Amino acid sequence: MKVPKICSLVVFSFIFLFSMDSYAHEHEKAVSNQKENTAGEVMYTTQIKAIFEQRCAKCHGAGSPEHDEFEQNEDKYTALKKGPRMDSYTYLTSFIVWPETGAIMRRLDDGKNSKSGKPGSMYNNLGDTDEERQENLSIFKAWIGNWNLKKWPDVTKKELDLLKVKY
């Protein structure tokens, strides 16, 4: 009787170890695929946040009002050189997707996408030189995906589906 129990234990151990090895291999493969999928992608945490902190946080950081508060007292906050708060992924994407659809794109645009041809009100803040502004703009464009100046009522579901804004 002891032989079958030992055999059962050996077989169980083999199956357990094999399944753990298989799991580890699948996990490794999934992590590798995820790295491949995100390689070259612009992410909020790796590129956008750093640009924001350097170029935008002074006026749109933690000390800034939320959007509705800003709109209610726009003159006051403008005099204080404060814009609406955008210092997190959630705050910032609300100016891309909804409810302030396209606001970031309209303000950061270099004018090449607008009917007037004039750059957005915050374009100059993207850098000290035109080269730096264009580089940072291209990073924002790659992160957003569908660079679209439309407001909420005019944007289509298809256009929204093309947004990337990866965390």
N, C-alpha and C. Protein backbone atom coordinates (compact mmCIF):
# COMPACT_ATOMS: atom_id res chain seq x y z
N MET A 1 0.80 -1.19 0.00
CA MET A 1 0.00 0.00 0.00
C MET A 1 0.85 1.27 0.00
N LYS A 2 2.01 1.21 0.60
CA LYS A 2 2.84 2.41 0.67
C LYS A 2 3.39 2.79 -0.71
N VAL A 3 3.60 1.84 -1.54
CA VAL A 3 4.14 2.13 -2.88
C VAL A 3 3.17 3.01 -3.68
N PRO A 4 1.88 2.67 -3.74
CA PRO A 4 0.96 3.52 -4.49
C PRO A 4 0.89 4.94 -3.93
N LYS A 5 0.94 5.10 -2.60
CA LYS A 5 0.90 6.45 -2.03
C LYS A 5 2.12 7.25 -2.45
N ILE A 6 3.26 6.60 -2.44
CA ILE A 6 4.48 7.28 -2.86
C ILE A 6 4.39 7.62 -4.35
N CYS A 7 3.90 6.68 -5.12
CA CYS A 7 3.74 6.94 -6.56
C CYS A 7 2.78 8.11 -6.79
N SER A 8 1.70 8.12 -6.03
CA SER A 8 0.73 9.21 -6.15
C SER A 8 1.38 10.53 -5.79
N LEU A 9 2.16 10.52 -4.73
CA LEU A 9 2.84 11.73 -4.30
C LEU A 9 3.83 12.20 -5.36
N VAL A 10 4.58 11.29 -5.95
CA VAL A 10 5.54 11.64 -7.01
C VAL A 10 4.81 12.21 -8.22
N VAL A 11 3.73 11.53 -8.62
CA VAL A 11 2.97 12.00 -9.79
C VAL A 11 2.38 13.38 -9.50
N PHE A 12 1.79 13.55 -8.32
CA PHE A 12 1.21 14.85 -7.95
C PHE A 12 2.28 15.94 -7.96
N SER A 13 3.44 15.65 -7.37
CA SER A 13 4.54 16.62 -7.33
C SER A 13 4.99 16.99 -8.73
N PHE A 14 5.10 16.00 -9.60
CA PHE A 14 5.50 16.25 -10.98
C PHE A 14 4.49 17.16 -11.68
N ILE A 15 3.20 16.85 -11.53
CA ILE A 15 2.15 17.66 -12.16
C ILE A 15 2.18 19.08 -11.60
N PHE A 16 2.32 19.21 -10.29
CA PHE A 16 2.35 20.52 -9.65
C PHE A 16 3.53 21.34 -10.16
N LEU A 17 4.71 20.75 -10.15
CA LEU A 17 5.91 21.47 -10.61
C LEU A 17 5.81 21.82 -12.09
N PHE A 18 5.30 20.92 -12.89
CA PHE A 18 5.13 21.18 -14.32
C PHE A 18 4.17 22.34 -14.54
N SER A 19 3.06 22.35 -13.80
CA SER A 19 2.08 23.42 -13.97
C SER A 19 2.64 24.75 -13.50
N MET A 20 3.43 24.75 -12.42
CA MET A 20 4.06 25.99 -11.96
C MET A 20 5.06 26.51 -12.99
N ASP A 21 5.84 25.60 -13.58
CA ASP A 21 6.79 26.00 -14.61
C ASP A 21 6.04 26.57 -15.82
N SER A 22 4.96 25.91 -16.18
CA SER A 22 4.15 26.37 -17.30
C SER A 22 3.56 27.75 -17.01
N TYR A 23 3.07 27.94 -15.78
CA TYR A 23 2.52 29.23 -15.38
C TYR A 23 3.60 30.31 -15.45
N ALA A 24 4.78 30.01 -14.91
CA ALA A 24 5.87 30.98 -14.92
C ALA A 24 6.24 31.35 -16.35
N HIS A 25 6.28 30.36 -17.23
CA HIS A 25 6.60 30.62 -18.63
C HIS A 25 5.53 31.51 -19.27
N GLU A 26 4.26 31.21 -19.03
CA GLU A 26 3.16 32.01 -19.60
C GLU A 26 3.19 33.43 -19.06
N HIS A 27 3.48 33.57 -17.76
CA HIS A 27 3.56 34.90 -17.16
C HIS A 27 4.71 35.70 -17.78
N GLU A 28 5.86 35.04 -17.92
CA GLU A 28 7.01 35.68 -18.54
C GLU A 28 6.69 36.13 -19.96
N LYS A 29 6.01 35.27 -20.71
CA LYS A 29 5.62 35.58 -22.08
C LYS A 29 4.65 36.77 -22.12
N ALA A 30 3.70 36.81 -21.20
CA ALA A 30 2.73 37.91 -21.14
C ALA A 30 3.42 39.23 -20.83
N VAL A 31 4.36 39.21 -19.88
CA VAL A 31 5.10 40.42 -19.53
C VAL A 31 5.93 40.88 -20.72
N SER A 32 6.57 39.95 -21.40
CA SER A 32 7.36 40.28 -22.58
C SER A 32 6.49 40.89 -23.67
N ASN A 33 5.32 40.30 -23.91
CA ASN A 33 4.41 40.85 -24.92
C ASN A 33 3.93 42.24 -24.54
N GLN A 34 3.67 42.45 -23.25
CA GLN A 34 3.24 43.77 -22.80
C GLN A 34 4.34 44.79 -23.05
N LYS A 35 5.59 44.41 -22.76
CA LYS A 35 6.71 45.33 -23.00
C LYS A 35 6.83 45.64 -24.48
N GLU A 36 6.67 44.62 -25.32
CA GLU A 36 6.74 44.84 -26.76
C GLU A 36 5.61 45.76 -27.23
N ASN A 37 4.41 45.57 -26.67
CA ASN A 37 3.27 46.39 -27.06
C ASN A 37 3.44 47.84 -26.64
N THR A 38 4.10 48.08 -25.50
CA THR A 38 4.25 49.45 -25.03
C THR A 38 5.57 50.07 -25.46
N ALA A 39 6.48 49.30 -26.01
CA ALA A 39 7.75 49.86 -26.47
C ALA A 39 7.46 50.87 -27.56
N GLY A 40 7.95 52.07 -27.38
CA GLY A 40 7.74 53.11 -28.37
C GLY A 40 6.44 53.87 -28.18
N GLU A 41 5.53 53.37 -27.35
CA GLU A 41 4.29 54.09 -27.08
C GLU A 41 4.57 55.20 -26.07
N VAL A 42 3.92 56.32 -26.27
CA VAL A 42 4.03 57.41 -25.32
C VAL A 42 3.05 57.15 -24.19
N MET A 43 3.54 57.24 -22.98
CA MET A 43 2.73 56.97 -21.80
C MET A 43 2.68 58.22 -20.91
N TYR A 44 1.58 58.37 -20.20
CA TYR A 44 1.46 59.49 -19.25
C TYR A 44 2.58 59.41 -18.22
N THR A 45 2.76 58.23 -17.63
CA THR A 45 3.70 58.08 -16.52
C THR A 45 5.16 58.26 -16.92
N THR A 46 5.49 57.99 -18.17
CA THR A 46 6.91 58.04 -18.56
C THR A 46 7.30 59.29 -19.33
N GLN A 47 6.38 59.90 -20.08
CA GLN A 47 6.75 61.09 -20.85
C GLN A 47 5.89 62.32 -20.55
N ILE A 48 4.58 62.16 -20.57
CA ILE A 48 3.68 63.31 -20.45
C ILE A 48 3.79 63.97 -19.08
N LYS A 49 3.81 63.18 -18.04
CA LYS A 49 3.90 63.72 -16.68
C LYS A 49 5.15 64.59 -16.50
N ALA A 50 6.27 64.15 -17.06
CA ALA A 50 7.52 64.91 -16.94
C ALA A 50 7.42 66.25 -17.68
N ILE A 51 6.86 66.24 -18.88
CA ILE A 51 6.67 67.50 -19.63
C ILE A 51 5.72 68.41 -18.86
N PHE A 52 4.62 67.84 -18.38
CA PHE A 52 3.65 68.62 -17.63
C PHE A 52 4.30 69.28 -16.41
N GLU A 53 5.04 68.50 -15.64
CA GLU A 53 5.66 69.04 -14.43
C GLU A 53 6.64 70.16 -14.75
N GLN A 54 7.36 70.03 -15.86
CA GLN A 54 8.34 71.05 -16.24
C GLN A 54 7.69 72.28 -16.88
N ARG A 55 6.69 72.07 -17.73
CA ARG A 55 6.17 73.15 -18.56
C ARG A 55 4.80 73.70 -18.15
N CYS A 56 4.02 72.95 -17.35
CA CYS A 56 2.61 73.32 -17.12
C CYS A 56 2.20 73.43 -15.65
N ALA A 57 2.89 72.72 -14.77
CA ALA A 57 2.45 72.58 -13.37
C ALA A 57 2.41 73.91 -12.62
N LYS A 58 3.24 74.85 -13.01
CA LYS A 58 3.26 76.15 -12.33
C LYS A 58 1.87 76.79 -12.33
N CYS A 59 1.16 76.67 -13.42
CA CYS A 59 -0.18 77.28 -13.54
C CYS A 59 -1.32 76.28 -13.42
N HIS A 60 -1.06 75.00 -13.66
CA HIS A 60 -2.11 73.99 -13.68
C HIS A 60 -1.87 72.87 -12.68
N GLY A 61 -1.07 73.14 -11.65
CA GLY A 61 -0.70 72.12 -10.67
C GLY A 61 -1.70 71.97 -9.54
N ALA A 62 -1.23 71.36 -8.46
CA ALA A 62 -2.09 71.03 -7.31
C ALA A 62 -2.72 72.27 -6.66
N GLY A 63 -2.08 73.42 -6.78
CA GLY A 63 -2.61 74.65 -6.20
C GLY A 63 -3.64 75.34 -7.08
N SER A 64 -3.97 74.74 -8.20
CA SER A 64 -4.92 75.32 -9.14
C SER A 64 -6.33 74.82 -8.84
N PRO A 65 -7.32 75.61 -9.23
CA PRO A 65 -8.71 75.20 -8.97
C PRO A 65 -9.18 74.12 -9.93
N GLU A 66 -10.17 73.36 -9.50
CA GLU A 66 -10.80 72.42 -10.42
C GLU A 66 -11.54 73.22 -11.49
N HIS A 67 -11.86 72.57 -12.59
CA HIS A 67 -12.43 73.25 -13.76
C HIS A 67 -13.63 74.13 -13.44
N ASP A 68 -14.62 73.61 -12.73
CA ASP A 68 -15.84 74.38 -12.46
C ASP A 68 -15.55 75.61 -11.60
N GLU A 69 -14.69 75.46 -10.61
CA GLU A 69 -14.28 76.60 -9.78
C GLU A 69 -13.57 77.64 -10.64
N PHE A 70 -12.69 77.20 -11.53
CA PHE A 70 -11.99 78.11 -12.42
C PHE A 70 -12.99 78.90 -13.28
N GLU A 71 -13.95 78.21 -13.86
CA GLU A 71 -14.94 78.88 -14.72
C GLU A 71 -15.78 79.89 -13.94
N GLN A 72 -16.10 79.61 -12.70
CA GLN A 72 -16.90 80.52 -11.89
C GLN A 72 -16.13 81.78 -11.51
N ASN A 73 -14.81 81.67 -11.42
CA ASN A 73 -13.97 82.81 -11.00
C ASN A 73 -12.79 82.99 -11.95
N GLU A 74 -13.04 82.92 -13.24
CA GLU A 74 -11.97 82.93 -14.23
C GLU A 74 -11.09 84.17 -14.14
N ASP A 75 -11.68 85.34 -13.97
CA ASP A 75 -10.89 86.58 -13.89
C ASP A 75 -9.92 86.55 -12.71
N LYS A 76 -10.44 86.08 -11.57
CA LYS A 76 -9.61 85.99 -10.36
C LYS A 76 -8.41 85.08 -10.59
N TYR A 77 -8.66 83.88 -11.13
CA TYR A 77 -7.59 82.91 -11.31
C TYR A 77 -6.64 83.31 -12.44
N THR A 78 -7.16 83.95 -13.45
CA THR A 78 -6.30 84.42 -14.54
C THR A 78 -5.33 85.48 -14.00
N ALA A 79 -5.83 86.38 -13.15
CA ALA A 79 -4.97 87.39 -12.54
C ALA A 79 -3.89 86.74 -11.66
N LEU A 80 -4.22 85.61 -11.06
CA LEU A 80 -3.25 84.88 -10.23
C LEU A 80 -2.35 83.96 -11.06
N LYS A 81 -2.54 83.99 -12.37
CA LYS A 81 -1.81 83.12 -13.31
C LYS A 81 -2.03 81.63 -12.98
N LYS A 82 -3.29 81.31 -12.72
CA LYS A 82 -3.70 79.93 -12.45
C LYS A 82 -4.75 79.52 -13.47
N GLY A 83 -4.55 78.35 -14.03
CA GLY A 83 -5.54 77.78 -14.92
C GLY A 83 -6.19 76.60 -14.22
N PRO A 84 -7.08 75.92 -14.88
CA PRO A 84 -7.71 74.75 -14.25
C PRO A 84 -6.68 73.67 -13.92
N ARG A 85 -6.95 72.96 -12.87
CA ARG A 85 -6.04 71.91 -12.39
C ARG A 85 -5.96 70.76 -13.40
N MET A 86 -4.73 70.32 -13.68
CA MET A 86 -4.50 69.22 -14.64
C MET A 86 -3.35 68.33 -14.19
N ASP A 87 -3.04 68.31 -12.90
CA ASP A 87 -1.82 67.67 -12.42
C ASP A 87 -1.92 66.17 -12.16
N SER A 88 -2.91 65.51 -12.72
CA SER A 88 -2.98 64.05 -12.62
C SER A 88 -3.51 63.52 -13.96
N TYR A 89 -3.35 62.25 -14.15
CA TYR A 89 -3.86 61.61 -15.37
C TYR A 89 -5.36 61.88 -15.51
N THR A 90 -6.11 61.73 -14.43
CA THR A 90 -7.56 61.92 -14.47
C THR A 90 -7.93 63.35 -14.82
N TYR A 91 -7.31 64.32 -14.14
CA TYR A 91 -7.61 65.73 -14.45
C TYR A 91 -7.23 66.05 -15.91
N LEU A 92 -6.04 65.64 -16.31
CA LEU A 92 -5.57 65.99 -17.66
C LEU A 92 -6.43 65.37 -18.75
N THR A 93 -6.78 64.10 -18.60
CA THR A 93 -7.56 63.46 -19.66
C THR A 93 -8.98 64.02 -19.75
N SER A 94 -9.48 64.65 -18.69
CA SER A 94 -10.81 65.27 -18.79
C SER A 94 -10.80 66.44 -19.76
N PHE A 95 -9.62 66.97 -20.08
CA PHE A 95 -9.49 68.06 -21.06
C PHE A 95 -9.17 67.52 -22.45
N ILE A 96 -9.15 66.20 -22.58
CA ILE A 96 -8.93 65.55 -23.87
C ILE A 96 -10.18 64.82 -24.30
N VAL A 97 -10.71 63.99 -23.42
CA VAL A 97 -11.82 63.10 -23.76
C VAL A 97 -13.17 63.72 -23.42
N TRP A 98 -13.43 63.91 -22.13
CA TRP A 98 -14.71 64.46 -21.68
C TRP A 98 -14.57 64.88 -20.24
N PRO A 99 -15.14 65.94 -19.80
CA PRO A 99 -16.16 66.76 -20.44
C PRO A 99 -15.62 67.91 -21.29
N GLU A 100 -14.34 68.21 -21.15
CA GLU A 100 -13.76 69.33 -21.91
C GLU A 100 -13.06 68.83 -23.17
N THR A 101 -13.76 68.04 -23.94
CA THR A 101 -13.22 67.37 -25.12
C THR A 101 -12.42 68.33 -26.01
N GLY A 102 -11.19 67.94 -26.31
CA GLY A 102 -10.35 68.68 -27.24
C GLY A 102 -9.69 69.93 -26.69
N ALA A 103 -9.95 70.28 -25.44
CA ALA A 103 -9.41 71.52 -24.88
C ALA A 103 -7.88 71.55 -24.91
N ILE A 104 -7.25 70.46 -24.54
CA ILE A 104 -5.78 70.40 -24.56
C ILE A 104 -5.28 70.58 -26.00
N MET A 105 -5.92 69.91 -26.93
CA MET A 105 -5.47 69.98 -28.32
C MET A 105 -5.62 71.41 -28.85
N ARG A 106 -6.72 72.07 -28.55
CA ARG A 106 -6.93 73.45 -29.03
C ARG A 106 -5.90 74.40 -28.44
N ARG A 107 -5.53 74.19 -27.19
CA ARG A 107 -4.59 75.10 -26.53
C ARG A 107 -3.13 74.82 -26.87
N LEU A 108 -2.79 73.58 -27.10
CA LEU A 108 -1.39 73.24 -27.40
C LEU A 108 -1.08 73.22 -28.90
N ASP A 109 -2.07 73.27 -29.74
CA ASP A 109 -1.86 73.16 -31.18
C ASP A 109 -0.94 74.27 -31.70
N ASP A 110 -0.12 73.95 -32.69
CA ASP A 110 0.81 74.92 -33.26
C ASP A 110 0.17 75.78 -34.35
N GLY A 111 -1.11 75.59 -34.61
CA GLY A 111 -1.83 76.37 -35.62
C GLY A 111 -2.00 75.63 -36.93
N LYS A 112 -1.29 74.55 -37.11
CA LYS A 112 -1.37 73.81 -38.37
C LYS A 112 -2.69 73.06 -38.52
N ASN A 113 -3.43 72.91 -37.43
CA ASN A 113 -4.70 72.19 -37.48
C ASN A 113 -5.91 73.10 -37.29
N SER A 114 -5.67 74.38 -37.08
CA SER A 114 -6.77 75.30 -36.85
C SER A 114 -7.13 76.06 -38.12
N LYS A 115 -8.38 76.48 -38.20
CA LYS A 115 -8.83 77.24 -39.37
C LYS A 115 -8.10 78.56 -39.49
N SER A 116 -7.80 79.20 -38.36
CA SER A 116 -7.14 80.50 -38.37
C SER A 116 -5.64 80.40 -38.64
N GLY A 117 -5.07 79.23 -38.40
CA GLY A 117 -3.63 79.06 -38.56
C GLY A 117 -2.84 79.59 -37.38
N LYS A 118 -3.53 80.08 -36.36
CA LYS A 118 -2.85 80.62 -35.18
C LYS A 118 -2.64 79.51 -34.16
N PRO A 119 -1.48 79.54 -33.48
CA PRO A 119 -1.25 78.54 -32.45
C PRO A 119 -2.20 78.73 -31.27
N GLY A 120 -2.41 77.64 -30.53
CA GLY A 120 -3.25 77.71 -29.34
C GLY A 120 -2.61 78.57 -28.26
N SER A 121 -3.41 78.97 -27.29
CA SER A 121 -2.97 79.91 -26.25
C SER A 121 -1.85 79.36 -25.37
N MET A 122 -1.64 78.07 -25.33
CA MET A 122 -0.60 77.49 -24.49
C MET A 122 0.56 76.89 -25.28
N TYR A 123 0.52 77.02 -26.59
CA TYR A 123 1.58 76.43 -27.43
C TYR A 123 2.96 76.93 -27.02
N ASN A 124 3.10 78.23 -26.79
CA ASN A 124 4.41 78.79 -26.45
C ASN A 124 4.97 78.23 -25.15
N ASN A 125 4.11 77.73 -24.28
CA ASN A 125 4.58 77.17 -23.01
C ASN A 125 5.17 75.77 -23.14
N LEU A 126 5.06 75.18 -24.31
CA LEU A 126 5.60 73.83 -24.52
C LEU A 126 7.12 73.79 -24.57
N GLY A 127 7.76 74.95 -24.71
CA GLY A 127 9.22 74.95 -24.77
C GLY A 127 9.77 76.35 -24.90
N ASP A 128 11.09 76.46 -24.71
CA ASP A 128 11.75 77.76 -24.82
C ASP A 128 12.10 78.10 -26.26
N THR A 129 12.23 77.08 -27.09
CA THR A 129 12.54 77.30 -28.51
C THR A 129 11.47 76.63 -29.36
N ASP A 130 11.39 77.02 -30.61
CA ASP A 130 10.40 76.39 -31.48
C ASP A 130 10.69 74.90 -31.63
N GLU A 131 11.96 74.55 -31.66
CA GLU A 131 12.34 73.13 -31.77
C GLU A 131 11.83 72.34 -30.55
N GLU A 132 12.02 72.88 -29.35
CA GLU A 132 11.55 72.21 -28.13
C GLU A 132 10.01 72.14 -28.11
N ARG A 133 9.36 73.24 -28.53
CA ARG A 133 7.89 73.23 -28.58
C ARG A 133 7.39 72.16 -29.54
N GLN A 134 8.00 72.07 -30.71
CA GLN A 134 7.58 71.07 -31.69
C GLN A 134 7.84 69.64 -31.18
N GLU A 135 8.95 69.44 -30.50
CA GLU A 135 9.27 68.11 -29.96
C GLU A 135 8.23 67.72 -28.91
N ASN A 136 7.93 68.63 -27.97
CA ASN A 136 6.96 68.32 -26.93
C ASN A 136 5.55 68.17 -27.51
N LEU A 137 5.23 68.98 -28.52
CA LEU A 137 3.93 68.85 -29.18
C LEU A 137 3.81 67.48 -29.84
N SER A 138 4.87 67.03 -30.49
CA SER A 138 4.81 65.72 -31.15
C SER A 138 4.64 64.59 -30.14
N ILE A 139 5.20 64.74 -28.94
CA ILE A 139 5.03 63.75 -27.88
C ILE A 139 3.58 63.74 -27.41
N PHE A 140 3.00 64.93 -27.21
CA PHE A 140 1.59 65.01 -26.83
C PHE A 140 0.71 64.41 -27.91
N LYS A 141 1.00 64.73 -29.17
CA LYS A 141 0.19 64.19 -30.28
C LYS A 141 0.26 62.67 -30.32
N ALA A 142 1.44 62.12 -30.13
CA ALA A 142 1.59 60.66 -30.13
C ALA A 142 0.84 60.04 -28.96
N TRP A 143 0.86 60.70 -27.83
CA TRP A 143 0.16 60.19 -26.65
C TRP A 143 -1.36 60.22 -26.86
N ILE A 144 -1.85 61.32 -27.39
CA ILE A 144 -3.30 61.47 -27.57
C ILE A 144 -3.80 60.59 -28.72
N GLY A 145 -3.03 60.50 -29.77
CA GLY A 145 -3.43 59.65 -30.90
C GLY A 145 -4.22 60.39 -31.95
N ASN A 146 -5.45 60.71 -31.66
CA ASN A 146 -6.30 61.43 -32.61
C ASN A 146 -6.31 62.90 -32.23
N TRP A 147 -5.38 63.66 -32.80
CA TRP A 147 -5.26 65.09 -32.50
C TRP A 147 -6.43 65.79 -33.17
N ASN A 148 -7.39 66.16 -32.36
CA ASN A 148 -8.66 66.66 -32.86
C ASN A 148 -9.06 67.89 -32.07
N LEU A 149 -9.34 68.99 -32.74
CA LEU A 149 -9.66 70.25 -32.06
C LEU A 149 -11.16 70.41 -31.75
N LYS A 150 -11.94 69.40 -32.05
CA LYS A 150 -13.39 69.49 -31.87
C LYS A 150 -13.80 69.46 -30.40
N LYS A 151 -14.94 70.12 -30.14
CA LYS A 151 -15.55 70.09 -28.80
C LYS A 151 -16.52 68.92 -28.72
N TRP A 152 -16.99 68.63 -27.50
CA TRP A 152 -17.83 67.47 -27.25
C TRP A 152 -19.00 67.32 -28.22
N PRO A 153 -19.80 68.33 -28.47
CA PRO A 153 -20.97 68.08 -29.32
C PRO A 153 -20.61 67.69 -30.76
N ASP A 154 -19.40 68.05 -31.19
CA ASP A 154 -19.02 67.84 -32.59
C ASP A 154 -18.18 66.59 -32.83
N VAL A 155 -17.61 66.03 -31.79
CA VAL A 155 -16.73 64.88 -31.95
C VAL A 155 -17.57 63.60 -32.10
N THR A 156 -17.10 62.69 -32.94
CA THR A 156 -17.84 61.44 -33.17
C THR A 156 -17.28 60.32 -32.30
N LYS A 157 -18.05 59.27 -32.16
CA LYS A 157 -17.59 58.10 -31.41
C LYS A 157 -16.35 57.51 -32.06
N LYS A 158 -16.32 57.48 -33.37
CA LYS A 158 -15.17 56.94 -34.09
C LYS A 158 -13.91 57.74 -33.76
N GLU A 159 -14.05 59.07 -33.70
CA GLU A 159 -12.90 59.92 -33.35
C GLU A 159 -12.46 59.68 -31.91
N LEU A 160 -13.41 59.50 -31.01
CA LEU A 160 -13.07 59.21 -29.62
C LEU A 160 -12.38 57.85 -29.48
N ASP A 161 -12.82 56.89 -30.28
CA ASP A 161 -12.21 55.55 -30.24
C ASP A 161 -10.75 55.57 -30.66
N LEU A 162 -10.34 56.58 -31.41
CA LEU A 162 -8.97 56.67 -31.89
C LEU A 162 -8.01 57.31 -30.87
N LEU A 163 -8.56 57.79 -29.77
CA LEU A 163 -7.72 58.37 -28.72
C LEU A 163 -6.93 57.26 -28.04
N LYS A 164 -5.69 57.57 -27.68
CA LYS A 164 -4.83 56.59 -27.01
C LYS A 164 -4.73 56.89 -25.51
N VAL A 165 -4.18 58.02 -25.16
CA VAL A 165 -3.95 58.49 -23.79
C VAL A 165 -3.61 57.37 -22.80
N LYS A 166 -2.55 56.63 -23.09
CA LYS A 166 -2.11 55.51 -22.25
C LYS A 166 -1.54 56.03 -20.93
N TYR A 167 -1.90 55.34 -19.87
CA TYR A 167 -1.40 55.71 -18.54
C TYR A 167 0.06 55.34 -18.42
